[in-house]
C-alpha cells in the first residue's frame, strides 16, 4: 500500500514539475529531496518511538515508492548523452548533496521537536 501511494505521488510530481524547467527534470529532484527530508524525520522518530510496522509502511513502502535512484540516474545519462555536461553535473549534485542535506535536516527537525 505504501509503495503504491509513493509511486503515485512520484508520478504526479513528474507530471506537475518536469515540464516547468526545460531540460531539467525538476519533479524527480523534488521527490528525492522531499523523500530525503521525510526519511531523516522518520528515522529519527522511529529511533525514539519504535514501531516496525509503521516504519515498514512509511520508510520502505511510501518513501521507497516516492523516491527514485533509477530515474535520477537515467535522467543524468540523458543529459550527458545530449552534451549538457553542466546541467548533468548540477542535476547529479542537486540529487546527491540535496538528499543528504534534506535527510540531515529532517533528523534535526524531529530531534528538536521530541
PDB file of N, CA and C in Angstrom:
ATOM      1  N   UNK A   1       0.832  -1.189   0.000  1.00  0.00           N
ATOM      2  CA  UNK A   1       0.000   0.000   0.000  1.00  0.00           C
ATOM      3  C   UNK A   1       0.874   1.249   0.000  1.00  0.00           C
ATOM      4  N   UNK A   2       1.865   1.280   0.900  1.00  0.00           N
ATOM      5  CA  UNK A   2       2.740   2.446   0.988  1.00  0.00           C
ATOM      6  C   UNK A   2       3.507   2.690  -0.298  1.00  0.00           C
ATOM      7  N   UNK A   3       4.042   1.621  -0.890  1.00  0.00           N
ATOM      8  CA  UNK A   3       4.825   1.765  -2.125  1.00  0.00           C
ATOM      9  C   UNK A   3       3.958   2.263  -3.275  1.00  0.00           C
ATOM     10  N   UNK A   4       2.732   1.760  -3.362  1.00  0.00           N
ATOM     11  CA  UNK A   4       1.832   2.202  -4.427  1.00  0.00           C
ATOM     12  C   UNK A   4       1.503   3.685  -4.278  1.00  0.00           C
ATOM     13  N   UNK A   5       1.234   4.119  -3.062  1.00  0.00           N
ATOM     14  CA  UNK A   5       0.933   5.536  -2.836  1.00  0.00           C
ATOM     15  C   UNK A   5       2.147   6.417  -3.120  1.00  0.00           C
ATOM     16  N   UNK A   6       3.330   5.955  -2.727  1.00  0.00           N
ATOM     17  CA  UNK A   6       4.547   6.705  -3.015  1.00  0.00           C
ATOM     18  C   UNK A   6       4.803   6.822  -4.507  1.00  0.00           C
ATOM     19  N   UNK A   7       4.589   5.723  -5.232  1.00  0.00           N
ATOM     20  CA  UNK A   7       4.793   5.738  -6.683  1.00  0.00           C
ATOM     21  C   UNK A   7       3.802   6.676  -7.366  1.00  0.00           C
ATOM     22  N   UNK A   8       2.557   6.677  -6.917  1.00  0.00           N
ATOM     23  CA  UNK A   8       1.565   7.602  -7.478  1.00  0.00           C
ATOM     24  C   UNK A   8       1.948   9.053  -7.210  1.00  0.00           C
ATOM     25  N   UNK A   9       2.445   9.332  -6.018  1.00  0.00           N
ATOM     26  CA  UNK A   9       2.880  10.694  -5.692  1.00  0.00           C
ATOM     27  C   UNK A   9       4.052  11.111  -6.575  1.00  0.00           C
ATOM     28  N   UNK A  10       4.997  10.182  -6.818  1.00  0.00           N
ATOM     29  CA  UNK A  10       6.140  10.489  -7.687  1.00  0.00           C
ATOM     30  C   UNK A  10       5.669  10.776  -9.104  1.00  0.00           C
ATOM     31  N   UNK A  11       4.760   9.974  -9.609  1.00  0.00           N
ATOM     32  CA  UNK A  11       4.234  10.153 -10.958  1.00  0.00           C
ATOM     33  C   UNK A  11       3.558  11.517 -11.087  1.00  0.00           C
ATOM     34  N   UNK A  12       2.757  11.887 -10.088  1.00  0.00           N
ATOM     35  CA  UNK A  12       2.086  13.186 -10.104  1.00  0.00           C
ATOM     36  C   UNK A  12       3.094  14.336 -10.071  1.00  0.00           C
ATOM     37  N   UNK A  13       4.132  14.198  -9.265  1.00  0.00           N
ATOM     38  CA  UNK A  13       5.166  15.243  -9.204  1.00  0.00           C
ATOM     39  C   UNK A  13       5.844  15.401 -10.555  1.00  0.00           C
ATOM     40  N   UNK A  14       6.097  14.296 -11.234  1.00  0.00           N
ATOM     41  CA  UNK A  14       6.688  14.370 -12.569  1.00  0.00           C
ATOM     42  C   UNK A  14       5.783  15.110 -13.539  1.00  0.00           C
ATOM     43  N   UNK A  15       4.494  14.790 -13.504  1.00  0.00           N
ATOM     44  CA  UNK A  15       3.542  15.476 -14.383  1.00  0.00           C
ATOM     45  C   UNK A  15       3.473  16.968 -14.082  1.00  0.00           C
ATOM     46  N   UNK A  16       3.510  17.319 -12.813  1.00  0.00           N
ATOM     47  CA  UNK A  16       3.374  18.722 -12.413  1.00  0.00           C
ATOM     48  C   UNK A  16       4.622  19.559 -12.660  1.00  0.00           C
ATOM     49  N   UNK A  17       5.807  18.977 -12.440  1.00  0.00           N
ATOM     50  CA  UNK A  17       7.014  19.798 -12.395  1.00  0.00           C
ATOM     51  C   UNK A  17       8.016  19.574 -13.523  1.00  0.00           C
ATOM     52  N   UNK A  18       8.013  18.419 -14.183  1.00  0.00           N
ATOM     53  CA  UNK A  18       9.065  18.163 -15.167  1.00  0.00           C
ATOM     54  C   UNK A  18       9.022  19.117 -16.356  1.00  0.00           C
ATOM     55  N   UNK A  19       7.868  19.593 -16.723  1.00  0.00           N
ATOM     56  CA  UNK A  19       7.762  20.497 -17.871  1.00  0.00           C
ATOM     57  C   UNK A  19       8.026  21.956 -17.501  1.00  0.00           C
ATOM     58  N   UNK A  20       8.177  22.266 -16.234  1.00  0.00           N
ATOM     59  CA  UNK A  20       8.322  23.658 -15.799  1.00  0.00           C
ATOM     60  C   UNK A  20       9.709  24.244 -16.057  1.00  0.00           C
ATOM     61  N   UNK A  21      10.717  23.409 -16.091  1.00  0.00           N
ATOM     62  CA  UNK A  21      12.081  23.890 -16.296  1.00  0.00           C
ATOM     63  C   UNK A  21      12.686  23.069 -17.424  1.00  0.00           C
ATOM     64  N   UNK A  22      12.725  23.641 -18.606  1.00  0.00           N
ATOM     65  CA  UNK A  22      13.160  22.912 -19.798  1.00  0.00           C
ATOM     66  C   UNK A  22      14.546  22.306 -19.608  1.00  0.00           C
ATOM     67  N   UNK A  23      14.650  21.030 -19.883  1.00  0.00           N
ATOM     68  CA  UNK A  23      15.940  20.349 -19.824  1.00  0.00           C
ATOM     69  C   UNK A  23      16.343  19.865 -18.448  1.00  0.00           C
ATOM     70  N   UNK A  24      15.552  20.163 -17.431  1.00  0.00           N
ATOM     71  CA  UNK A  24      15.905  19.732 -16.076  1.00  0.00           C
ATOM     72  C   UNK A  24      14.685  19.058 -15.459  1.00  0.00           C
ATOM     73  N   UNK A  25      14.772  17.760 -15.166  1.00  0.00           N
ATOM     74  CA  UNK A  25      13.635  17.019 -14.614  1.00  0.00           C
ATOM     75  C   UNK A  25      13.388  17.373 -13.140  1.00  0.00           C
ATOM     76  N   UNK A  26      12.720  18.470 -12.916  1.00  0.00           N
ATOM     77  CA  UNK A  26      12.514  19.014 -11.578  1.00  0.00           C
ATOM     78  C   UNK A  26      11.669  18.106 -10.686  1.00  0.00           C
ATOM     79  N   UNK A  27      10.697  17.416 -11.264  1.00  0.00           N
ATOM     80  CA  UNK A  27       9.836  16.549 -10.463  1.00  0.00           C
ATOM     81  C   UNK A  27      10.613  15.467  -9.735  1.00  0.00           C
ATOM     82  N   UNK A  28      11.557  14.843 -10.425  1.00  0.00           N
ATOM     83  CA  UNK A  28      12.365  13.795  -9.799  1.00  0.00           C
ATOM     84  C   UNK A  28      13.222  14.370  -8.686  1.00  0.00           C
ATOM     85  N   UNK A  29      13.813  15.527  -8.924  1.00  0.00           N
ATOM     86  CA  UNK A  29      14.619  16.160  -7.883  1.00  0.00           C
ATOM     87  C   UNK A  29      13.764  16.468  -6.657  1.00  0.00           C
ATOM     88  N   UNK A  30      12.593  17.032  -6.869  1.00  0.00           N
ATOM     89  CA  UNK A  30      11.735  17.386  -5.737  1.00  0.00           C
ATOM     90  C   UNK A  30      11.330  16.168  -4.914  1.00  0.00           C
ATOM     91  N   UNK A  31      10.955  15.061  -5.582  1.00  0.00           N
ATOM     92  CA  UNK A  31      10.562  13.881  -4.795  1.00  0.00           C
ATOM     93  C   UNK A  31      11.753  13.310  -4.042  1.00  0.00           C
ATOM     94  N   UNK A  32      12.944  13.381  -4.633  1.00  0.00           N
ATOM     95  CA  UNK A  32      14.116  12.865  -3.926  1.00  0.00           C
ATOM     96  C   UNK A  32      14.501  13.760  -2.744  1.00  0.00           C
ATOM     97  N   UNK A  33      14.363  15.072  -2.890  1.00  0.00           N
ATOM     98  CA  UNK A  33      14.663  15.977  -1.770  1.00  0.00           C
ATOM     99  C   UNK A  33      13.614  15.863  -0.664  1.00  0.00           C
ATOM    100  N   UNK A  34      12.354  15.845  -1.040  1.00  0.00           N
ATOM    101  CA  UNK A  34      11.294  15.670  -0.042  1.00  0.00           C
ATOM    102  C   UNK A  34      11.429  14.299   0.619  1.00  0.00           C
ATOM    103  N   UNK A  35      11.729  13.280  -0.187  1.00  0.00           N
ATOM    104  CA  UNK A  35      11.934  11.945   0.372  1.00  0.00           C
ATOM    105  C   UNK A  35      13.110  11.902   1.327  1.00  0.00           C
ATOM    106  N   UNK A  36      14.183  12.614   0.997  1.00  0.00           N
ATOM    107  CA  UNK A  36      15.335  12.691   1.895  1.00  0.00           C
ATOM    108  C   UNK A  36      14.966  13.345   3.215  1.00  0.00           C
ATOM    109  N   UNK A  37      14.216  14.440   3.143  1.00  0.00           N
ATOM    110  CA  UNK A  37      13.763  15.119   4.362  1.00  0.00           C
ATOM    111  C   UNK A  37      12.881  14.190   5.200  1.00  0.00           C
ATOM    112  N   UNK A  38      11.924  13.549   4.552  1.00  0.00           N
ATOM    113  CA  UNK A  38      10.991  12.683   5.274  1.00  0.00           C
ATOM    114  C   UNK A  38      11.668  11.441   5.845  1.00  0.00           C
ATOM    115  N   UNK A  39      12.641  10.888   5.125  1.00  0.00           N
ATOM    116  CA  UNK A  39      13.317   9.705   5.673  1.00  0.00           C
ATOM    117  C   UNK A  39      14.163  10.088   6.880  1.00  0.00           C
ATOM    118  N   UNK A  40      14.782  11.258   6.838  1.00  0.00           N
ATOM    119  CA  UNK A  40      15.518  11.727   8.008  1.00  0.00           C
ATOM    120  C   UNK A  40      14.599  11.889   9.206  1.00  0.00           C
ATOM    121  N   UNK A  41      13.429  12.479   8.969  1.00  0.00           N
ATOM    122  CA  UNK A  41      12.458  12.652  10.044  1.00  0.00           C
ATOM    123  C   UNK A  41      11.975  11.298  10.565  1.00  0.00           C
ATOM    124  N   UNK A  42      11.672  10.390   9.648  1.00  0.00           N
ATOM    125  CA  UNK A  42      11.159   9.074  10.043  1.00  0.00           C
ATOM    126  C   UNK A  42      12.200   8.276  10.814  1.00  0.00           C
ATOM    127  N   UNK A  43      13.440   8.302  10.362  1.00  0.00           N
ATOM    128  CA  UNK A  43      14.474   7.532  11.054  1.00  0.00           C
ATOM    129  C   UNK A  43      14.711   8.058  12.464  1.00  0.00           C
ATOM    130  N   UNK A  44      14.694   9.368  12.606  1.00  0.00           N
ATOM    131  CA  UNK A  44      14.854   9.947  13.943  1.00  0.00           C
ATOM    132  C   UNK A  44      13.646   9.596  14.815  1.00  0.00           C
ATOM    133  N   UNK A  45      12.449   9.721  14.267  1.00  0.00           N
ATOM    134  CA  UNK A  45      11.231   9.416  15.016  1.00  0.00           C
ATOM    135  C   UNK A  45      11.201   7.943  15.442  1.00  0.00           C
ATOM    136  N   UNK A  46      11.408   7.037  14.485  1.00  0.00           N
ATOM    137  CA  UNK A  46      11.329   5.612  14.802  1.00  0.00           C
ATOM    138  C   UNK A  46      12.504   5.145  15.648  1.00  0.00           C
ATOM    139  N   UNK A  47      13.594   5.897  15.652  1.00  0.00           N
ATOM    140  CA  UNK A  47      14.691   5.601  16.561  1.00  0.00           C
ATOM    141  C   UNK A  47      14.309   5.875  18.007  1.00  0.00           C
ATOM    142  N   UNK A  48      13.390   6.816  18.191  1.00  0.00           N
ATOM    143  CA  UNK A  48      12.944   7.187  19.544  1.00  0.00           C
ATOM    144  C   UNK A  48      11.615   6.526  19.912  1.00  0.00           C
ATOM    145  N   UNK A  49      10.793   6.290  18.930  1.00  0.00           N
ATOM    146  CA  UNK A  49       9.461   5.700  19.128  1.00  0.00           C
ATOM    147  C   UNK A  49       9.323   4.487  18.204  1.00  0.00           C
ATOM    148  N   UNK A  50       9.959   3.365  18.530  1.00  0.00           N
ATOM    149  CA  UNK A  50       9.966   2.216  17.618  1.00  0.00           C
ATOM    150  C   UNK A  50       8.556   1.711  17.291  1.00  0.00           C
ATOM    151  N   UNK A  51       8.321   1.511  16.012  1.00  0.00           N
ATOM    152  CA  UNK A  51       7.087   0.904  15.521  1.00  0.00           C
ATOM    153  C   UNK A  51       7.439   0.294  14.170  1.00  0.00           C
ATOM    154  N   UNK A  52       7.817  -0.964  14.183  1.00  0.00           N
ATOM    155  CA  UNK A  52       8.335  -1.606  12.975  1.00  0.00           C
ATOM    156  C   UNK A  52       7.317  -1.647  11.838  1.00  0.00           C
ATOM    157  N   UNK A  53       6.047  -1.840  12.150  1.00  0.00           N
ATOM    158  CA  UNK A  53       5.032  -1.897  11.104  1.00  0.00           C
ATOM    159  C   UNK A  53       4.870  -0.540  10.414  1.00  0.00           C
ATOM    160  N   UNK A  54       4.803   0.532  11.197  1.00  0.00           N
ATOM    161  CA  UNK A  54       4.689   1.867  10.600  1.00  0.00           C
ATOM    162  C   UNK A  54       5.958   2.247   9.848  1.00  0.00           C
ATOM    163  N   UNK A  55       7.113   1.845  10.371  1.00  0.00           N
ATOM    164  CA  UNK A  55       8.378   2.115   9.680  1.00  0.00           C
ATOM    165  C   UNK A  55       8.390   1.399   8.334  1.00  0.00           C
ATOM    166  N   UNK A  56       7.930   0.158   8.304  1.00  0.00           N
ATOM    167  CA  UNK A  56       7.853  -0.596   7.051  1.00  0.00           C
ATOM    168  C   UNK A  56       6.915   0.090   6.068  1.00  0.00           C
ATOM    169  N   UNK A  57       5.751   0.506   6.539  1.00  0.00           N
ATOM    170  CA  UNK A  57       4.772   1.156   5.678  1.00  0.00           C
ATOM    171  C   UNK A  57       5.290   2.487   5.138  1.00  0.00           C
ATOM    172  N   UNK A  58       5.855   3.318   6.016  1.00  0.00           N
ATOM    173  CA  UNK A  58       6.258   4.668   5.620  1.00  0.00           C
ATOM    174  C   UNK A  58       7.629   4.731   4.958  1.00  0.00           C
ATOM    175  N   UNK A  59       8.643   4.118   5.576  1.00  0.00           N
ATOM    176  CA  UNK A  59      10.011   4.240   5.058  1.00  0.00           C
ATOM    177  C   UNK A  59      10.216   3.318   3.860  1.00  0.00           C
ATOM    178  N   UNK A  60      10.037   2.025   4.072  1.00  0.00           N
ATOM    179  CA  UNK A  60      10.267   1.074   2.985  1.00  0.00           C
ATOM    180  C   UNK A  60       9.207   1.218   1.904  1.00  0.00           C
ATOM    181  N   UNK A  61       7.945   1.344   2.305  1.00  0.00           N
ATOM    182  CA  UNK A  61       6.852   1.419   1.349  1.00  0.00           C
ATOM    183  C   UNK A  61       6.721   2.769   0.674  1.00  0.00           C
ATOM    184  N   UNK A  62       6.160   3.745   1.395  1.00  0.00           N
ATOM    185  CA  UNK A  62       5.854   5.037   0.783  1.00  0.00           C
ATOM    186  C   UNK A  62       7.101   5.754   0.272  1.00  0.00           C
ATOM    187  N   UNK A  63       8.117   5.904   1.130  1.00  0.00           N
ATOM    188  CA  UNK A  63       9.309   6.644   0.702  1.00  0.00           C
ATOM    189  C   UNK A  63      10.113   5.871  -0.332  1.00  0.00           C
ATOM    190  N   UNK A  64      10.100   4.542  -0.246  1.00  0.00           N
ATOM    191  CA  UNK A  64      10.747   3.731  -1.281  1.00  0.00           C
ATOM    192  C   UNK A  64      10.063   3.895  -2.631  1.00  0.00           C
ATOM    193  N   UNK A  65       8.730   4.013  -2.623  1.00  0.00           N
ATOM    194  CA  UNK A  65       7.988   4.237  -3.861  1.00  0.00           C
ATOM    195  C   UNK A  65       8.076   5.671  -4.352  1.00  0.00           C
ATOM    196  N   UNK A  66       8.200   6.605  -3.429  1.00  0.00           N
ATOM    197  CA  UNK A  66       8.267   8.023  -3.789  1.00  0.00           C
ATOM    198  C   UNK A  66       9.604   8.390  -4.418  1.00  0.00           C
ATOM    199  N   UNK A  67      10.678   8.013  -3.776  1.00  0.00           N
ATOM    200  CA  UNK A  67      12.000   8.409  -4.261  1.00  0.00           C
ATOM    201  C   UNK A  67      12.471   7.450  -5.339  1.00  0.00           C
ATOM    202  N   UNK A  68      13.419   7.906  -6.144  1.00  0.00           N
ATOM    203  CA  UNK A  68      13.853   7.070  -7.252  1.00  0.00           C
ATOM    204  C   UNK A  68      15.288   7.350  -7.647  1.00  0.00           C
ATOM    205  N   UNK A  69      16.126   6.381  -7.399  1.00  0.00           N
ATOM    206  CA  UNK A  69      17.516   6.493  -7.824  1.00  0.00           C
ATOM    207  C   UNK A  69      17.652   6.140  -9.302  1.00  0.00           C
ATOM    208  N   UNK A  70      16.836   5.216  -9.782  1.00  0.00           N
ATOM    209  CA  UNK A  70      16.941   4.803 -11.180  1.00  0.00           C
ATOM    210  C   UNK A  70      16.520   5.916 -12.130  1.00  0.00           C
ATOM    211  N   UNK A  71      15.446   6.636 -11.823  1.00  0.00           N
ATOM    212  CA  UNK A  71      15.030   7.739 -12.691  1.00  0.00           C
ATOM    213  C   UNK A  71      16.082   8.836 -12.696  1.00  0.00           C
ATOM    214  N   UNK A  72      16.606   9.159 -11.521  1.00  0.00           N
ATOM    215  CA  UNK A  72      17.669  10.159 -11.423  1.00  0.00           C
ATOM    216  C   UNK A  72      18.872   9.748 -12.269  1.00  0.00           C
ATOM    217  N   UNK A  73      19.282   8.494 -12.189  1.00  0.00           N
ATOM    218  CA  UNK A  73      20.435   8.013 -12.957  1.00  0.00           C
ATOM    219  C   UNK A  73      20.174   8.115 -14.454  1.00  0.00           C
ATOM    220  N   UNK A  74      18.993   7.684 -14.870  1.00  0.00           N
ATOM    221  CA  UNK A  74      18.647   7.750 -16.289  1.00  0.00           C
ATOM    222  C   UNK A  74      18.597   9.174 -16.803  1.00  0.00           C
ATOM    223  N   UNK A  75      18.036  10.076 -16.016  1.00  0.00           N
ATOM    224  CA  UNK A  75      17.960  11.476 -16.432  1.00  0.00           C
ATOM    225  C   UNK A  75      19.347  12.086 -16.555  1.00  0.00           C
ATOM    226  N   UNK A  76      20.233  11.755 -15.640  1.00  0.00           N
ATOM    227  CA  UNK A  76      21.609  12.257 -15.725  1.00  0.00           C
ATOM    228  C   UNK A  76      22.289  11.753 -16.991  1.00  0.00           C
ATOM    229  N   UNK A  77      22.082  10.482 -17.321  1.00  0.00           N
ATOM    230  CA  UNK A  77      22.692   9.921 -18.531  1.00  0.00           C
ATOM    231  C   UNK A  77      22.138  10.562 -19.798  1.00  0.00           C
ATOM    232  N   UNK A  78      20.856  10.861 -19.822  1.00  0.00           N
ATOM    233  CA  UNK A  78      20.268  11.532 -20.985  1.00  0.00           C
ATOM    234  C   UNK A  78      20.878  12.920 -21.154  1.00  0.00           C
ATOM    235  N   UNK A  79      21.044  13.647 -20.057  1.00  0.00           N
ATOM    236  CA  UNK A  79      21.679  14.966 -20.134  1.00  0.00           C
ATOM    237  C   UNK A  79      23.100  14.849 -20.682  1.00  0.00           C
ATOM    238  N   UNK A  80      23.848  13.869 -20.202  1.00  0.00           N
ATOM    239  CA  UNK A  80      25.213  13.656 -20.706  1.00  0.00           C
ATOM    240  C   UNK A  80      25.203  13.294 -22.187  1.00  0.00           C
ATOM    241  N   UNK A  81      24.285  12.427 -22.579  1.00  0.00           N
ATOM    242  CA  UNK A  81      24.185  11.991 -23.976  1.00  0.00           C
ATOM    243  C   UNK A  81      23.929  13.171 -24.911  1.00  0.00           C
ATOM    244  N   UNK A  82      23.193  14.158 -24.419  1.00  0.00           N
ATOM    245  CA  UNK A  82      22.888  15.335 -25.232  1.00  0.00           C
ATOM    246  C   UNK A  82      23.917  16.452 -25.065  1.00  0.00           C
ATOM    247  N   UNK A  83      25.036  16.128 -24.438  1.00  0.00           N
ATOM    248  CA  UNK A  83      26.120  17.094 -24.315  1.00  0.00           C
ATOM    249  C   UNK A  83      25.885  18.187 -23.298  1.00  0.00           C
ATOM    250  N   UNK A  84      24.916  18.024 -22.439  1.00  0.00           N
ATOM    251  CA  UNK A  84      24.606  19.034 -21.426  1.00  0.00           C
ATOM    252  C   UNK A  84      25.372  18.703 -20.143  1.00  0.00           C
ATOM    253  N   UNK A  85      26.688  18.849 -20.222  1.00  0.00           N
ATOM    254  CA  UNK A  85      27.556  18.422 -19.126  1.00  0.00           C
ATOM    255  C   UNK A  85      27.347  19.243 -17.856  1.00  0.00           C
ATOM    256  N   UNK A  86      27.198  20.541 -17.986  1.00  0.00           N
ATOM    257  CA  UNK A  86      26.966  21.387 -16.817  1.00  0.00           C
ATOM    258  C   UNK A  86      25.644  21.060 -16.139  1.00  0.00           C
ATOM    259  N   UNK A  87      24.604  20.867 -16.948  1.00  0.00           N
ATOM    260  CA  UNK A  87      23.294  20.523 -16.397  1.00  0.00           C
ATOM    261  C   UNK A  87      23.337  19.139 -15.747  1.00  0.00           C
ATOM    262  N   UNK A  88      24.060  18.204 -16.354  1.00  0.00           N
ATOM    263  CA  UNK A  88      24.187  16.860 -15.777  1.00  0.00           C
ATOM    264  C   UNK A  88      24.907  16.914 -14.432  1.00  0.00           C
ATOM    265  N   UNK A  89      25.945  17.729 -14.347  1.00  0.00           N
ATOM    266  CA  UNK A  89      26.672  17.875 -13.083  1.00  0.00           C
ATOM    267  C   UNK A  89      25.777  18.518 -12.021  1.00  0.00           C
ATOM    268  N   UNK A  90      25.069  19.583 -12.402  1.00  0.00           N
ATOM    269  CA  UNK A  90      24.162  20.245 -11.460  1.00  0.00           C
ATOM    270  C   UNK A  90      23.066  19.284 -11.002  1.00  0.00           C
ATOM    271  N   UNK A  91      22.534  18.520 -11.930  1.00  0.00           N
ATOM    272  CA  UNK A  91      21.486  17.539 -11.637  1.00  0.00           C
ATOM    273  C   UNK A  91      21.988  16.496 -10.646  1.00  0.00           C
ATOM    274  N   UNK A  92      23.164  15.960 -10.888  1.00  0.00           N
ATOM    275  CA  UNK A  92      23.737  14.929 -10.017  1.00  0.00           C
ATOM    276  C   UNK A  92      24.029  15.485  -8.629  1.00  0.00           C
ATOM    277  N   UNK A  93      24.662  16.641  -8.574  1.00  0.00           N
ATOM    278  CA  UNK A  93      24.976  17.246  -7.275  1.00  0.00           C
ATOM    279  C   UNK A  93      23.713  17.617  -6.501  1.00  0.00           C
ATOM    280  N   UNK A  94      22.718  18.138  -7.205  1.00  0.00           N
ATOM    281  CA  UNK A  94      21.474  18.518  -6.535  1.00  0.00           C
ATOM    282  C   UNK A  94      20.820  17.307  -5.878  1.00  0.00           C
ATOM    283  N   UNK A  95      20.821  16.171  -6.569  1.00  0.00           N
ATOM    284  CA  UNK A  95      20.213  14.960  -6.005  1.00  0.00           C
ATOM    285  C   UNK A  95      21.024  14.408  -4.837  1.00  0.00           C
ATOM    286  N   UNK A  96      22.300  14.227  -5.038  1.00  0.00           N
ATOM    287  CA  UNK A  96      23.122  13.564  -4.017  1.00  0.00           C
ATOM    288  C   UNK A  96      23.296  14.460  -2.793  1.00  0.00           C
ATOM    289  N   UNK A  97      23.808  15.659  -3.005  1.00  0.00           N
ATOM    290  CA  UNK A  97      24.053  16.562  -1.879  1.00  0.00           C
ATOM    291  C   UNK A  97      22.728  17.029  -1.279  1.00  0.00           C
ATOM    292  N   UNK A  98      21.779  17.357  -2.134  1.00  0.00           N
ATOM    293  CA  UNK A  98      20.485  17.818  -1.649  1.00  0.00           C
ATOM    294  C   UNK A  98      19.761  16.781  -0.807  1.00  0.00           C
ATOM    295  N   UNK A  99      19.761  15.530  -1.236  1.00  0.00           N
ATOM    296  CA  UNK A  99      19.090  14.475  -0.467  1.00  0.00           C
ATOM    297  C   UNK A  99      19.765  14.238   0.873  1.00  0.00           C
ATOM    298  N   UNK A 100      21.088  14.263   0.888  1.00  0.00           N
ATOM    299  CA  UNK A 100      21.804  14.096   2.158  1.00  0.00           C
ATOM    300  C   UNK A 100      21.500  15.247   3.112  1.00  0.00           C
ATOM    301  N   UNK A 101      21.522  16.469   2.604  1.00  0.00           N
ATOM    302  CA  UNK A 101      21.202  17.623   3.450  1.00  0.00           C
ATOM    303  C   UNK A 101      19.755  17.586   3.927  1.00  0.00           C
ATOM    304  N   UNK A 102      18.847  17.171   3.050  1.00  0.00           N
ATOM    305  CA  UNK A 102      17.441  17.089   3.436  1.00  0.00           C
ATOM    306  C   UNK A 102      17.232  16.038   4.523  1.00  0.00           C
ATOM    307  N   UNK A 103      17.897  14.888   4.409  1.00  0.00           N
ATOM    308  CA  UNK A 103      17.780  13.843   5.436  1.00  0.00           C
ATOM    309  C   UNK A 103      18.334  14.338   6.768  1.00  0.00           C
ATOM    310  N   UNK A 104      19.473  15.013   6.717  1.00  0.00           N
ATOM    311  CA  UNK A 104      20.062  15.579   7.939  1.00  0.00           C
ATOM    312  C   UNK A 104      19.105  16.593   8.571  1.00  0.00           C
ATOM    313  N   UNK A 105      18.527  17.458   7.741  1.00  0.00           N
ATOM    314  CA  UNK A 105      17.581  18.456   8.233  1.00  0.00           C
ATOM    315  C   UNK A 105      16.368  17.784   8.868  1.00  0.00           C
ATOM    316  N   UNK A 106      15.859  16.740   8.232  1.00  0.00           N
ATOM    317  CA  UNK A 106      14.725  16.013   8.792  1.00  0.00           C
ATOM    318  C   UNK A 106      15.034  15.435  10.162  1.00  0.00           C
ATOM    319  N   UNK A 107      16.219  14.872  10.315  1.00  0.00           N
ATOM    320  CA  UNK A 107      16.621  14.326  11.614  1.00  0.00           C
ATOM    321  C   UNK A 107      16.698  15.434  12.661  1.00  0.00           C
ATOM    322  N   UNK A 108      17.249  16.579  12.279  1.00  0.00           N
ATOM    323  CA  UNK A 108      17.376  17.697  13.213  1.00  0.00           C
ATOM    324  C   UNK A 108      16.001  18.232  13.624  1.00  0.00           C
ATOM    325  N   UNK A 109      15.071  18.306  12.671  1.00  0.00           N
ATOM    326  CA  UNK A 109      13.725  18.802  12.979  1.00  0.00           C
ATOM    327  C   UNK A 109      13.063  17.921  14.029  1.00  0.00           C
ATOM    328  N   UNK A 110      13.085  16.610  13.795  1.00  0.00           N
ATOM    329  CA  UNK A 110      12.438  15.698  14.747  1.00  0.00           C
ATOM    330  C   UNK A 110      13.161  15.710  16.084  1.00  0.00           C
ATOM    331  N   UNK A 111      14.488  15.754  16.068  1.00  0.00           N
ATOM    332  CA  UNK A 111      15.246  15.796  17.327  1.00  0.00           C
ATOM    333  C   UNK A 111      14.879  17.040  18.138  1.00  0.00           C
ATOM    334  N   UNK A 112      14.636  18.152  17.461  1.00  0.00           N
ATOM    335  CA  UNK A 112      14.274  19.386  18.158  1.00  0.00           C
ATOM    336  C   UNK A 112      12.841  19.346  18.695  1.00  0.00           C
ATOM    337  N   UNK A 113      11.979  18.596  18.032  1.00  0.00           N
ATOM    338  CA  UNK A 113      10.574  18.543  18.433  1.00  0.00           C
ATOM    339  C   UNK A 113      10.289  17.523  19.524  1.00  0.00           C
ATOM    340  N   UNK A 114      11.133  16.512  19.621  1.00  0.00           N
ATOM    341  CA  UNK A 114      10.877  15.446  20.615  1.00  0.00           C
ATOM    342  C   UNK A 114      11.688  15.705  21.862  1.00  0.00           C
TER     343      UNK A 114
END
